[in-house]
Amino acid sequence: MRGRSGRRPGKPDTRGAILAAAREIFAERGYDGSSIRHIAASAGVDPALVHHYFGNKEDLSMEVVKAPIEPAAVMEEIFAEGIEAAPENVVRAFLGVCEGPVSGPAFLGLLRGAVAHQWQALLLREFFTTQIARRVVRRLGTAVDPAELPLRASLVSSQLFGLALARYVLRIQPLADAPREVVVAAVAPNIRRHMIGALDAGDREAV
């Protein structure tokens, strides 16, 4: 339920109210359609109080999702060797997150929650699309048409989420127990096409 407008700095549940409002707004409007002002109004606090507790909108979204990674650091890992090596590094970094002793249980918990609950699915989708996949394709610069970025981001997301579900949640064999580098070699060509390959079916030779 939405609270009335007004600053509530003295109440101990203020931080929780902001998080609850942010979860609702992000799930309802998406990351791009949300603002600190929207979230503050829903929580019944002054926007300055949201900034006080959580900084900016990106920091708040990270807290809402409880993301187990730092997107900026992941981007540095993916693009450390340039664009040509990025598709393989995307898969390698993603598997590293899924199999990390801390990040793995946290991420897979988010994924299982997203499968079971629509609001968690919406939040995880928004986080992954805006903070990970979109950052990846933006790093490509002039290598691809900017108009294709949203589709490319969603294709990368679908490939990686499908991989996570099959390998770690459903544990489909032999994929579940395949060595990491075998999985990288098998999946990276699809990621490469989604990132920098031709998306138009008309660009491919007829068979």
N, C-alpha and C. Protein backbone atom coordinates (compact mmCIF):
# COMPACT_ATOMS: atom_id res chain seq x y z
N MET A 1 0.85 -1.18 0.00
CA MET A 1 0.00 0.00 0.00
C MET A 1 0.89 1.24 0.00
N ARG A 2 0.52 2.22 -0.78
CA ARG A 2 1.32 3.43 -0.90
C ARG A 2 1.08 4.34 0.29
N GLY A 3 2.15 4.88 0.84
CA GLY A 3 2.02 5.79 1.97
C GLY A 3 1.81 7.22 1.51
N ARG A 4 1.53 8.10 2.45
CA ARG A 4 1.35 9.49 2.11
C ARG A 4 2.70 10.15 1.90
N SER A 5 2.68 11.29 1.19
CA SER A 5 3.92 12.00 0.94
C SER A 5 4.41 12.64 2.23
N GLY A 6 5.70 12.88 2.29
CA GLY A 6 6.26 13.52 3.46
C GLY A 6 7.52 12.82 3.92
N ARG A 7 8.39 13.55 4.54
CA ARG A 7 9.68 13.02 4.99
C ARG A 7 9.52 12.27 6.30
N ARG A 8 10.14 11.08 6.41
CA ARG A 8 10.00 10.28 7.63
C ARG A 8 11.37 9.85 8.15
N PRO A 9 12.28 10.81 8.42
CA PRO A 9 13.65 10.44 8.76
C PRO A 9 13.79 9.71 10.08
N GLY A 10 12.82 9.86 10.98
CA GLY A 10 12.99 9.29 12.30
C GLY A 10 12.49 7.87 12.46
N LYS A 11 11.79 7.32 11.45
CA LYS A 11 11.19 6.00 11.60
C LYS A 11 12.20 4.91 11.23
N PRO A 12 12.30 3.88 12.05
CA PRO A 12 13.30 2.85 11.79
C PRO A 12 13.01 2.01 10.55
N ASP A 13 11.75 2.02 10.06
CA ASP A 13 11.41 1.20 8.90
C ASP A 13 11.50 1.98 7.59
N THR A 14 12.06 3.19 7.64
CA THR A 14 12.11 4.01 6.44
C THR A 14 12.90 3.33 5.33
N ARG A 15 14.05 2.78 5.66
CA ARG A 15 14.87 2.13 4.64
C ARG A 15 14.13 0.95 4.02
N GLY A 16 13.45 0.18 4.86
CA GLY A 16 12.68 -0.94 4.35
C GLY A 16 11.52 -0.49 3.48
N ALA A 17 10.89 0.62 3.85
CA ALA A 17 9.78 1.15 3.06
C ALA A 17 10.26 1.59 1.68
N ILE A 18 11.44 2.19 1.63
CA ILE A 18 12.01 2.61 0.35
C ILE A 18 12.31 1.40 -0.52
N LEU A 19 12.91 0.36 0.07
CA LEU A 19 13.21 -0.85 -0.68
C LEU A 19 11.94 -1.50 -1.22
N ALA A 20 10.90 -1.56 -0.38
CA ALA A 20 9.64 -2.16 -0.82
C ALA A 20 9.03 -1.36 -1.96
N ALA A 21 9.07 -0.04 -1.84
CA ALA A 21 8.53 0.81 -2.91
C ALA A 21 9.34 0.67 -4.19
N ALA A 22 10.66 0.60 -4.04
CA ALA A 22 11.52 0.46 -5.22
C ALA A 22 11.26 -0.87 -5.92
N ARG A 23 11.09 -1.92 -5.16
CA ARG A 23 10.79 -3.23 -5.75
C ARG A 23 9.51 -3.16 -6.56
N GLU A 24 8.50 -2.52 -6.01
CA GLU A 24 7.21 -2.39 -6.69
C GLU A 24 7.34 -1.55 -7.97
N ILE A 25 8.01 -0.42 -7.85
CA ILE A 25 8.13 0.49 -8.99
C ILE A 25 8.98 -0.11 -10.10
N PHE A 26 10.11 -0.70 -9.75
CA PHE A 26 10.97 -1.32 -10.77
C PHE A 26 10.24 -2.45 -11.48
N ALA A 27 9.49 -3.26 -10.73
CA ALA A 27 8.76 -4.37 -11.35
C ALA A 27 7.63 -3.87 -12.23
N GLU A 28 7.01 -2.77 -11.83
CA GLU A 28 5.85 -2.25 -12.55
C GLU A 28 6.24 -1.42 -13.77
N ARG A 29 7.25 -0.56 -13.63
CA ARG A 29 7.61 0.38 -14.68
C ARG A 29 8.87 0.01 -15.44
N GLY A 30 9.66 -0.93 -14.90
CA GLY A 30 10.96 -1.21 -15.47
C GLY A 30 11.97 -0.19 -15.01
N TYR A 31 13.26 -0.50 -15.20
CA TYR A 31 14.32 0.38 -14.74
C TYR A 31 14.25 1.75 -15.42
N ASP A 32 14.12 1.75 -16.74
CA ASP A 32 14.14 3.01 -17.49
C ASP A 32 12.93 3.88 -17.18
N GLY A 33 11.80 3.26 -16.88
CA GLY A 33 10.59 4.03 -16.60
C GLY A 33 10.43 4.46 -15.16
N SER A 34 11.39 4.10 -14.33
CA SER A 34 11.33 4.45 -12.90
C SER A 34 12.23 5.64 -12.61
N SER A 35 11.95 6.29 -11.50
CA SER A 35 12.79 7.41 -11.06
C SER A 35 12.82 7.44 -9.54
N ILE A 36 13.80 8.12 -9.02
CA ILE A 36 13.89 8.31 -7.57
C ILE A 36 12.64 9.02 -7.06
N ARG A 37 12.13 9.95 -7.84
CA ARG A 37 10.92 10.68 -7.42
C ARG A 37 9.72 9.74 -7.32
N HIS A 38 9.56 8.85 -8.32
CA HIS A 38 8.46 7.87 -8.27
C HIS A 38 8.58 7.01 -7.01
N ILE A 39 9.77 6.54 -6.75
CA ILE A 39 9.99 5.62 -5.62
C ILE A 39 9.76 6.35 -4.30
N ALA A 40 10.25 7.57 -4.21
CA ALA A 40 10.06 8.35 -2.98
C ALA A 40 8.58 8.59 -2.72
N ALA A 41 7.83 8.93 -3.76
CA ALA A 41 6.39 9.18 -3.59
C ALA A 41 5.68 7.92 -3.12
N SER A 42 6.05 6.77 -3.68
CA SER A 42 5.42 5.52 -3.28
C SER A 42 5.75 5.16 -1.83
N ALA A 43 6.99 5.46 -1.41
CA ALA A 43 7.40 5.17 -0.04
C ALA A 43 6.94 6.22 0.96
N GLY A 44 6.47 7.37 0.46
CA GLY A 44 6.03 8.43 1.35
C GLY A 44 7.17 9.18 2.00
N VAL A 45 8.29 9.36 1.26
CA VAL A 45 9.44 10.08 1.81
C VAL A 45 9.91 11.11 0.80
N ASP A 46 10.79 11.98 1.25
CA ASP A 46 11.40 12.97 0.37
C ASP A 46 12.44 12.29 -0.51
N PRO A 47 12.55 12.67 -1.80
CA PRO A 47 13.57 12.06 -2.66
C PRO A 47 14.98 12.15 -2.09
N ALA A 48 15.26 13.22 -1.35
CA ALA A 48 16.60 13.36 -0.76
C ALA A 48 16.90 12.23 0.21
N LEU A 49 15.87 11.69 0.84
CA LEU A 49 16.08 10.61 1.79
C LEU A 49 16.44 9.31 1.05
N VAL A 50 15.89 9.13 -0.13
CA VAL A 50 16.25 7.96 -0.94
C VAL A 50 17.73 8.05 -1.32
N HIS A 51 18.16 9.23 -1.75
CA HIS A 51 19.57 9.43 -2.08
C HIS A 51 20.45 9.21 -0.85
N HIS A 52 19.96 9.65 0.29
CA HIS A 52 20.74 9.50 1.53
C HIS A 52 21.01 8.03 1.85
N TYR A 53 19.99 7.21 1.71
CA TYR A 53 20.13 5.79 2.05
C TYR A 53 20.81 4.98 0.95
N PHE A 54 20.54 5.31 -0.32
CA PHE A 54 20.95 4.41 -1.40
C PHE A 54 21.76 5.05 -2.52
N GLY A 55 22.00 6.34 -2.47
CA GLY A 55 22.76 6.97 -3.55
C GLY A 55 21.88 7.22 -4.75
N ASN A 56 22.26 6.69 -5.92
CA ASN A 56 21.49 6.94 -7.13
C ASN A 56 20.58 5.76 -7.47
N LYS A 57 19.88 5.90 -8.60
CA LYS A 57 18.91 4.87 -8.99
C LYS A 57 19.60 3.53 -9.26
N GLU A 58 20.76 3.56 -9.87
CA GLU A 58 21.47 2.32 -10.16
C GLU A 58 21.86 1.59 -8.88
N ASP A 59 22.37 2.33 -7.90
CA ASP A 59 22.74 1.72 -6.62
C ASP A 59 21.51 1.13 -5.92
N LEU A 60 20.40 1.84 -6.02
CA LEU A 60 19.17 1.35 -5.40
C LEU A 60 18.69 0.07 -6.08
N SER A 61 18.78 0.01 -7.41
CA SER A 61 18.35 -1.20 -8.12
C SER A 61 19.22 -2.39 -7.75
N MET A 62 20.52 -2.14 -7.56
CA MET A 62 21.42 -3.22 -7.15
C MET A 62 21.03 -3.75 -5.77
N GLU A 63 20.63 -2.85 -4.88
CA GLU A 63 20.23 -3.26 -3.53
C GLU A 63 18.92 -4.03 -3.56
N VAL A 64 17.99 -3.59 -4.40
CA VAL A 64 16.69 -4.27 -4.49
C VAL A 64 16.87 -5.70 -4.98
N VAL A 65 17.67 -5.88 -6.02
CA VAL A 65 17.87 -7.20 -6.58
C VAL A 65 18.81 -8.04 -5.72
N LYS A 66 19.63 -7.37 -4.91
CA LYS A 66 20.69 -8.03 -4.13
C LYS A 66 21.65 -8.75 -5.08
N ALA A 67 22.08 -8.00 -6.08
CA ALA A 67 22.95 -8.56 -7.11
C ALA A 67 24.28 -9.01 -6.50
N PRO A 68 24.74 -10.20 -6.87
CA PRO A 68 25.97 -10.73 -6.29
C PRO A 68 27.23 -10.29 -7.03
N ILE A 69 27.10 -9.37 -7.97
CA ILE A 69 28.25 -8.93 -8.77
C ILE A 69 28.26 -7.42 -8.87
N GLU A 70 29.41 -6.89 -9.25
CA GLU A 70 29.56 -5.47 -9.55
C GLU A 70 29.66 -5.34 -11.07
N PRO A 71 28.62 -4.81 -11.73
CA PRO A 71 28.60 -4.77 -13.20
C PRO A 71 29.82 -4.13 -13.83
N ALA A 72 30.30 -3.02 -13.27
CA ALA A 72 31.45 -2.33 -13.87
C ALA A 72 32.68 -3.23 -13.88
N ALA A 73 32.89 -3.97 -12.80
CA ALA A 73 34.04 -4.86 -12.72
C ALA A 73 33.92 -6.00 -13.72
N VAL A 74 32.70 -6.51 -13.89
CA VAL A 74 32.47 -7.58 -14.86
C VAL A 74 32.76 -7.10 -16.27
N MET A 75 32.38 -5.85 -16.57
CA MET A 75 32.64 -5.30 -17.90
C MET A 75 34.14 -5.22 -18.19
N GLU A 76 34.91 -4.84 -17.18
CA GLU A 76 36.36 -4.78 -17.37
C GLU A 76 36.93 -6.16 -17.68
N GLU A 77 36.40 -7.17 -17.02
CA GLU A 77 36.85 -8.55 -17.25
C GLU A 77 36.48 -9.00 -18.66
N ILE A 78 35.29 -8.67 -19.09
CA ILE A 78 34.81 -9.13 -20.40
C ILE A 78 35.58 -8.48 -21.54
N PHE A 79 35.87 -7.18 -21.41
CA PHE A 79 36.48 -6.45 -22.51
C PHE A 79 37.97 -6.20 -22.34
N ALA A 80 38.59 -6.90 -21.41
CA ALA A 80 40.02 -6.70 -21.15
C ALA A 80 40.87 -7.00 -22.36
N GLU A 81 40.41 -7.93 -23.22
CA GLU A 81 41.19 -8.33 -24.40
C GLU A 81 40.60 -7.80 -25.70
N GLY A 82 39.69 -6.83 -25.60
CA GLY A 82 39.10 -6.24 -26.79
C GLY A 82 37.80 -6.90 -27.21
N ILE A 83 37.18 -6.34 -28.24
CA ILE A 83 35.87 -6.79 -28.69
C ILE A 83 35.92 -8.22 -29.23
N GLU A 84 36.99 -8.56 -29.94
CA GLU A 84 37.04 -9.86 -30.59
C GLU A 84 36.98 -11.00 -29.58
N ALA A 85 37.57 -10.81 -28.43
CA ALA A 85 37.56 -11.86 -27.40
C ALA A 85 36.37 -11.76 -26.45
N ALA A 86 35.56 -10.71 -26.60
CA ALA A 86 34.48 -10.46 -25.65
C ALA A 86 33.43 -11.58 -25.61
N PRO A 87 32.99 -12.15 -26.73
CA PRO A 87 31.96 -13.21 -26.63
C PRO A 87 32.39 -14.38 -25.76
N GLU A 88 33.62 -14.85 -25.94
CA GLU A 88 34.10 -15.93 -25.09
C GLU A 88 34.19 -15.49 -23.63
N ASN A 89 34.63 -14.25 -23.42
CA ASN A 89 34.76 -13.75 -22.06
C ASN A 89 33.41 -13.54 -21.38
N VAL A 90 32.37 -13.22 -22.17
CA VAL A 90 31.02 -13.11 -21.61
C VAL A 90 30.62 -14.44 -20.99
N VAL A 91 30.78 -15.51 -21.74
CA VAL A 91 30.38 -16.82 -21.24
C VAL A 91 31.26 -17.23 -20.06
N ARG A 92 32.56 -16.99 -20.18
CA ARG A 92 33.49 -17.36 -19.11
C ARG A 92 33.17 -16.60 -17.82
N ALA A 93 32.90 -15.31 -17.94
CA ALA A 93 32.57 -14.51 -16.75
C ALA A 93 31.25 -14.95 -16.15
N PHE A 94 30.27 -15.26 -17.00
CA PHE A 94 28.96 -15.68 -16.51
C PHE A 94 29.07 -17.01 -15.75
N LEU A 95 29.80 -17.95 -16.30
CA LEU A 95 30.00 -19.22 -15.62
C LEU A 95 30.75 -19.02 -14.30
N GLY A 96 31.69 -18.08 -14.30
CA GLY A 96 32.42 -17.78 -13.07
C GLY A 96 31.50 -17.27 -11.98
N VAL A 97 30.54 -16.43 -12.35
CA VAL A 97 29.56 -15.94 -11.38
C VAL A 97 28.70 -17.09 -10.86
N CYS A 98 28.20 -17.92 -11.77
CA CYS A 98 27.32 -19.03 -11.39
C CYS A 98 28.02 -20.05 -10.51
N GLU A 99 29.33 -20.19 -10.67
CA GLU A 99 30.07 -21.22 -9.95
C GLU A 99 30.90 -20.66 -8.80
N GLY A 100 30.82 -19.36 -8.55
CA GLY A 100 31.57 -18.75 -7.46
C GLY A 100 31.02 -19.19 -6.11
N PRO A 101 31.86 -19.31 -5.09
CA PRO A 101 31.40 -19.77 -3.77
C PRO A 101 30.41 -18.84 -3.11
N VAL A 102 30.47 -17.56 -3.41
CA VAL A 102 29.53 -16.59 -2.85
C VAL A 102 28.51 -16.16 -3.90
N SER A 103 29.01 -15.76 -5.07
CA SER A 103 28.11 -15.26 -6.12
C SER A 103 27.21 -16.35 -6.67
N GLY A 104 27.70 -17.59 -6.72
CA GLY A 104 26.91 -18.68 -7.29
C GLY A 104 25.61 -18.93 -6.55
N PRO A 105 25.63 -19.24 -5.25
CA PRO A 105 24.39 -19.45 -4.52
C PRO A 105 23.46 -18.23 -4.56
N ALA A 106 24.05 -17.03 -4.51
CA ALA A 106 23.23 -15.82 -4.53
C ALA A 106 22.52 -15.68 -5.87
N PHE A 107 23.27 -15.84 -6.97
CA PHE A 107 22.66 -15.69 -8.29
C PHE A 107 21.63 -16.78 -8.57
N LEU A 108 21.96 -18.02 -8.25
CA LEU A 108 21.03 -19.11 -8.52
C LEU A 108 19.79 -19.01 -7.64
N GLY A 109 19.94 -18.43 -6.44
CA GLY A 109 18.77 -18.15 -5.62
C GLY A 109 17.86 -17.14 -6.28
N LEU A 110 18.46 -16.10 -6.88
CA LEU A 110 17.68 -15.12 -7.62
C LEU A 110 16.98 -15.77 -8.81
N LEU A 111 17.69 -16.64 -9.50
CA LEU A 111 17.12 -17.29 -10.68
C LEU A 111 15.95 -18.20 -10.31
N ARG A 112 16.11 -18.98 -9.25
CA ARG A 112 15.02 -19.85 -8.81
C ARG A 112 13.82 -19.02 -8.35
N GLY A 113 14.09 -17.92 -7.67
CA GLY A 113 13.00 -17.05 -7.25
C GLY A 113 12.28 -16.45 -8.43
N ALA A 114 13.02 -16.12 -9.49
CA ALA A 114 12.42 -15.54 -10.68
C ALA A 114 11.52 -16.54 -11.40
N VAL A 115 11.90 -17.82 -11.36
CA VAL A 115 11.07 -18.85 -11.98
C VAL A 115 9.76 -19.02 -11.21
N ALA A 116 9.81 -18.85 -9.89
CA ALA A 116 8.64 -19.11 -9.05
C ALA A 116 7.74 -17.89 -8.88
N HIS A 117 8.30 -16.69 -8.96
CA HIS A 117 7.53 -15.48 -8.64
C HIS A 117 7.69 -14.43 -9.73
N GLN A 118 6.58 -13.94 -10.24
CA GLN A 118 6.61 -13.02 -11.36
C GLN A 118 7.36 -11.73 -11.03
N TRP A 119 7.14 -11.18 -9.82
CA TRP A 119 7.78 -9.92 -9.50
C TRP A 119 9.29 -10.07 -9.43
N GLN A 120 9.76 -11.24 -8.96
CA GLN A 120 11.20 -11.47 -8.94
C GLN A 120 11.74 -11.64 -10.35
N ALA A 121 10.93 -12.25 -11.22
CA ALA A 121 11.34 -12.39 -12.62
C ALA A 121 11.49 -11.02 -13.27
N LEU A 122 10.56 -10.14 -13.00
CA LEU A 122 10.61 -8.79 -13.58
C LEU A 122 11.85 -8.03 -13.10
N LEU A 123 12.14 -8.14 -11.80
CA LEU A 123 13.29 -7.44 -11.25
C LEU A 123 14.60 -7.99 -11.80
N LEU A 124 14.71 -9.31 -11.86
CA LEU A 124 15.93 -9.91 -12.38
C LEU A 124 16.11 -9.60 -13.85
N ARG A 125 15.02 -9.63 -14.60
CA ARG A 125 15.09 -9.29 -16.02
C ARG A 125 15.58 -7.86 -16.21
N GLU A 126 15.01 -6.94 -15.46
CA GLU A 126 15.42 -5.54 -15.58
C GLU A 126 16.89 -5.36 -15.22
N PHE A 127 17.31 -6.01 -14.14
CA PHE A 127 18.70 -5.88 -13.73
C PHE A 127 19.63 -6.43 -14.80
N PHE A 128 19.36 -7.63 -15.26
CA PHE A 128 20.28 -8.25 -16.20
C PHE A 128 20.31 -7.51 -17.53
N THR A 129 19.14 -7.07 -17.98
CA THR A 129 19.08 -6.37 -19.26
C THR A 129 19.77 -5.02 -19.19
N THR A 130 19.48 -4.24 -18.14
CA THR A 130 20.00 -2.87 -18.07
C THR A 130 21.43 -2.80 -17.56
N GLN A 131 21.77 -3.66 -16.60
CA GLN A 131 23.08 -3.54 -15.97
C GLN A 131 24.15 -4.44 -16.57
N ILE A 132 23.75 -5.52 -17.22
CA ILE A 132 24.73 -6.45 -17.78
C ILE A 132 24.67 -6.45 -19.31
N ALA A 133 23.59 -6.98 -19.87
CA ALA A 133 23.52 -7.13 -21.33
C ALA A 133 23.64 -5.79 -22.05
N ARG A 134 22.97 -4.78 -21.55
CA ARG A 134 23.03 -3.47 -22.21
C ARG A 134 24.44 -2.88 -22.12
N ARG A 135 25.10 -3.07 -21.01
CA ARG A 135 26.48 -2.58 -20.87
C ARG A 135 27.40 -3.30 -21.86
N VAL A 136 27.15 -4.60 -22.04
CA VAL A 136 27.99 -5.36 -22.97
C VAL A 136 27.87 -4.80 -24.38
N VAL A 137 26.64 -4.66 -24.85
CA VAL A 137 26.49 -4.21 -26.24
C VAL A 137 26.89 -2.75 -26.42
N ARG A 138 26.74 -1.93 -25.40
CA ARG A 138 27.18 -0.54 -25.52
C ARG A 138 28.69 -0.43 -25.67
N ARG A 139 29.40 -1.37 -25.09
CA ARG A 139 30.86 -1.38 -25.22
C ARG A 139 31.30 -1.67 -26.65
N LEU A 140 30.37 -2.15 -27.47
CA LEU A 140 30.73 -2.49 -28.84
C LEU A 140 30.91 -1.25 -29.71
N GLY A 141 30.41 -0.11 -29.25
CA GLY A 141 30.62 1.14 -29.98
C GLY A 141 30.03 1.09 -31.37
N THR A 142 30.86 1.38 -32.37
CA THR A 142 30.40 1.44 -33.76
C THR A 142 30.46 0.08 -34.45
N ALA A 143 30.76 -0.97 -33.71
CA ALA A 143 30.85 -2.30 -34.31
C ALA A 143 29.49 -2.82 -34.76
N VAL A 144 28.41 -2.28 -34.18
CA VAL A 144 27.06 -2.69 -34.56
C VAL A 144 26.17 -1.45 -34.69
N ASP A 145 25.04 -1.63 -35.34
CA ASP A 145 24.04 -0.56 -35.49
C ASP A 145 23.42 -0.27 -34.12
N PRO A 146 23.45 0.98 -33.65
CA PRO A 146 22.86 1.30 -32.35
C PRO A 146 21.39 0.91 -32.24
N ALA A 147 20.67 0.92 -33.36
CA ALA A 147 19.25 0.56 -33.33
C ALA A 147 19.05 -0.91 -32.97
N GLU A 148 20.10 -1.71 -33.15
CA GLU A 148 19.99 -3.15 -32.86
C GLU A 148 20.33 -3.48 -31.41
N LEU A 149 20.78 -2.50 -30.65
CA LEU A 149 21.26 -2.79 -29.30
C LEU A 149 20.22 -3.44 -28.39
N PRO A 150 18.96 -2.95 -28.36
CA PRO A 150 17.99 -3.61 -27.48
C PRO A 150 17.78 -5.09 -27.82
N LEU A 151 17.67 -5.40 -29.12
CA LEU A 151 17.49 -6.79 -29.51
C LEU A 151 18.72 -7.61 -29.17
N ARG A 152 19.89 -7.08 -29.44
CA ARG A 152 21.12 -7.81 -29.13
C ARG A 152 21.23 -8.08 -27.63
N ALA A 153 20.88 -7.09 -26.82
CA ALA A 153 20.95 -7.26 -25.37
C ALA A 153 20.00 -8.36 -24.91
N SER A 154 18.79 -8.39 -25.47
CA SER A 154 17.83 -9.41 -25.05
C SER A 154 18.25 -10.80 -25.53
N LEU A 155 18.87 -10.88 -26.69
CA LEU A 155 19.34 -12.17 -27.18
C LEU A 155 20.47 -12.72 -26.32
N VAL A 156 21.41 -11.85 -25.94
CA VAL A 156 22.48 -12.27 -25.05
C VAL A 156 21.89 -12.75 -23.72
N SER A 157 20.92 -11.99 -23.20
CA SER A 157 20.29 -12.37 -21.93
C SER A 157 19.62 -13.73 -22.03
N SER A 158 18.87 -13.96 -23.11
CA SER A 158 18.15 -15.22 -23.26
C SER A 158 19.10 -16.40 -23.34
N GLN A 159 20.21 -16.22 -24.02
CA GLN A 159 21.18 -17.30 -24.15
C GLN A 159 21.79 -17.66 -22.79
N LEU A 160 22.16 -16.66 -22.02
CA LEU A 160 22.81 -16.90 -20.74
C LEU A 160 21.84 -17.44 -19.69
N PHE A 161 20.63 -16.91 -19.65
CA PHE A 161 19.65 -17.43 -18.70
C PHE A 161 19.28 -18.87 -19.02
N GLY A 162 19.14 -19.16 -20.31
CA GLY A 162 18.85 -20.53 -20.70
C GLY A 162 19.96 -21.47 -20.29
N LEU A 163 21.20 -21.02 -20.47
CA LEU A 163 22.35 -21.81 -20.06
C LEU A 163 22.33 -22.07 -18.55
N ALA A 164 22.05 -21.04 -17.78
CA ALA A 164 22.03 -21.18 -16.32
C ALA A 164 20.94 -22.15 -15.87
N LEU A 165 19.77 -22.05 -16.46
CA LEU A 165 18.68 -22.96 -16.09
C LEU A 165 19.03 -24.41 -16.42
N ALA A 166 19.57 -24.62 -17.62
CA ALA A 166 19.87 -25.99 -18.04
C ALA A 166 21.03 -26.59 -17.25
N ARG A 167 22.07 -25.80 -17.00
CA ARG A 167 23.28 -26.33 -16.37
C ARG A 167 23.17 -26.42 -14.85
N TYR A 168 22.56 -25.41 -14.23
CA TYR A 168 22.61 -25.34 -12.77
C TYR A 168 21.29 -25.63 -12.06
N VAL A 169 20.16 -25.35 -12.71
CA VAL A 169 18.87 -25.58 -12.06
C VAL A 169 18.29 -26.93 -12.47
N LEU A 170 18.11 -27.15 -13.76
CA LEU A 170 17.59 -28.42 -14.25
C LEU A 170 18.66 -29.50 -14.28
N ARG A 171 19.93 -29.09 -14.34
CA ARG A 171 21.08 -29.98 -14.37
C ARG A 171 20.96 -31.04 -15.46
N ILE A 172 20.74 -30.56 -16.67
CA ILE A 172 20.64 -31.44 -17.84
C ILE A 172 22.04 -31.96 -18.17
N GLN A 173 22.15 -33.27 -18.26
CA GLN A 173 23.44 -33.90 -18.54
C GLN A 173 23.58 -34.17 -20.05
N PRO A 174 24.80 -34.12 -20.56
CA PRO A 174 26.08 -33.94 -19.85
C PRO A 174 26.47 -32.48 -19.65
N LEU A 175 25.58 -31.53 -20.05
CA LEU A 175 25.92 -30.11 -19.91
C LEU A 175 26.23 -29.75 -18.46
N ALA A 176 25.47 -30.30 -17.53
CA ALA A 176 25.63 -29.92 -16.13
C ALA A 176 27.03 -30.17 -15.61
N ASP A 177 27.66 -31.22 -16.05
CA ASP A 177 28.98 -31.59 -15.54
C ASP A 177 30.10 -31.36 -16.55
N ALA A 178 29.79 -30.72 -17.66
CA ALA A 178 30.82 -30.46 -18.67
C ALA A 178 31.83 -29.45 -18.13
N PRO A 179 33.12 -29.60 -18.46
CA PRO A 179 34.12 -28.62 -18.04
C PRO A 179 33.77 -27.22 -18.53
N ARG A 180 34.16 -26.24 -17.74
CA ARG A 180 33.79 -24.86 -18.05
C ARG A 180 34.25 -24.45 -19.44
N GLU A 181 35.47 -24.77 -19.82
CA GLU A 181 35.98 -24.32 -21.12
C GLU A 181 35.29 -25.03 -22.28
N VAL A 182 34.78 -26.23 -22.05
CA VAL A 182 33.99 -26.91 -23.08
C VAL A 182 32.69 -26.14 -23.32
N VAL A 183 32.08 -25.69 -22.24
CA VAL A 183 30.84 -24.91 -22.35
C VAL A 183 31.12 -23.57 -23.03
N VAL A 184 32.22 -22.94 -22.67
CA VAL A 184 32.58 -21.67 -23.30
C VAL A 184 32.71 -21.85 -24.81
N ALA A 185 33.43 -22.88 -25.23
CA ALA A 185 33.65 -23.12 -26.65
C ALA A 185 32.35 -23.41 -27.38
N ALA A 186 31.41 -24.07 -26.72
CA ALA A 186 30.15 -24.44 -27.36
C ALA A 186 29.17 -23.29 -27.44
N VAL A 187 29.14 -22.44 -26.43
CA VAL A 187 28.12 -21.38 -26.35
C VAL A 187 28.59 -20.07 -26.96
N ALA A 188 29.88 -19.80 -26.89
CA ALA A 188 30.41 -18.51 -27.34
C ALA A 188 30.05 -18.16 -28.79
N PRO A 189 30.02 -19.11 -29.74
CA PRO A 189 29.63 -18.73 -31.11
C PRO A 189 28.24 -18.09 -31.20
N ASN A 190 27.30 -18.58 -30.37
CA ASN A 190 25.96 -17.96 -30.36
C ASN A 190 26.03 -16.56 -29.78
N ILE A 191 26.78 -16.39 -28.70
CA ILE A 191 26.94 -15.07 -28.11
C ILE A 191 27.61 -14.12 -29.10
N ARG A 192 28.58 -14.62 -29.84
CA ARG A 192 29.27 -13.79 -30.84
C ARG A 192 28.28 -13.27 -31.89
N ARG A 193 27.43 -14.15 -32.37
CA ARG A 193 26.45 -13.71 -33.38
C ARG A 193 25.49 -12.69 -32.77
N HIS A 194 25.02 -12.94 -31.55
CA HIS A 194 24.10 -12.00 -30.91
C HIS A 194 24.76 -10.64 -30.68
N MET A 195 26.05 -10.63 -30.38
CA MET A 195 26.75 -9.39 -30.09
C MET A 195 27.16 -8.63 -31.34
N ILE A 196 27.81 -9.31 -32.29
CA ILE A 196 28.42 -8.59 -33.41
C ILE A 196 28.12 -9.21 -34.77
N GLY A 197 27.36 -10.30 -34.81
CA GLY A 197 27.05 -10.94 -36.09
C GLY A 197 25.84 -10.32 -36.75
N ALA A 198 25.51 -10.84 -37.95
CA ALA A 198 24.35 -10.35 -38.70
C ALA A 198 23.07 -10.88 -38.05
N LEU A 199 22.10 -10.00 -37.83
CA LEU A 199 20.81 -10.39 -37.27
C LEU A 199 19.75 -10.56 -38.33
N ASP A 200 19.96 -9.94 -39.47
CA ASP A 200 18.99 -10.00 -40.56
C ASP A 200 19.11 -11.32 -41.30
N ALA A 201 18.02 -12.07 -41.36
CA ALA A 201 18.05 -13.37 -42.05
C ALA A 201 18.41 -13.19 -43.52
N GLY A 202 18.11 -12.02 -44.06
CA GLY A 202 18.40 -11.77 -45.47
C GLY A 202 19.87 -11.65 -45.76
N ASP A 203 20.70 -11.48 -44.71
CA ASP A 203 22.13 -11.37 -44.89
C ASP A 203 22.80 -12.73 -45.00
N ARG A 204 22.05 -13.79 -44.72
CA ARG A 204 22.64 -15.12 -44.78
C ARG A 204 22.38 -15.77 -46.11
N GLU A 205 23.26 -16.62 -46.53
CA GLU A 205 23.09 -17.31 -47.78
C GLU A 205 21.95 -18.32 -47.69
N ALA A 206 21.19 -18.44 -48.75
CA ALA A 206 20.10 -19.42 -48.76
C ALA A 206 20.68 -20.83 -48.83
N VAL A 207 20.00 -21.75 -48.17
CA VAL A 207 20.47 -23.13 -48.18
C VAL A 207 19.41 -24.02 -48.83
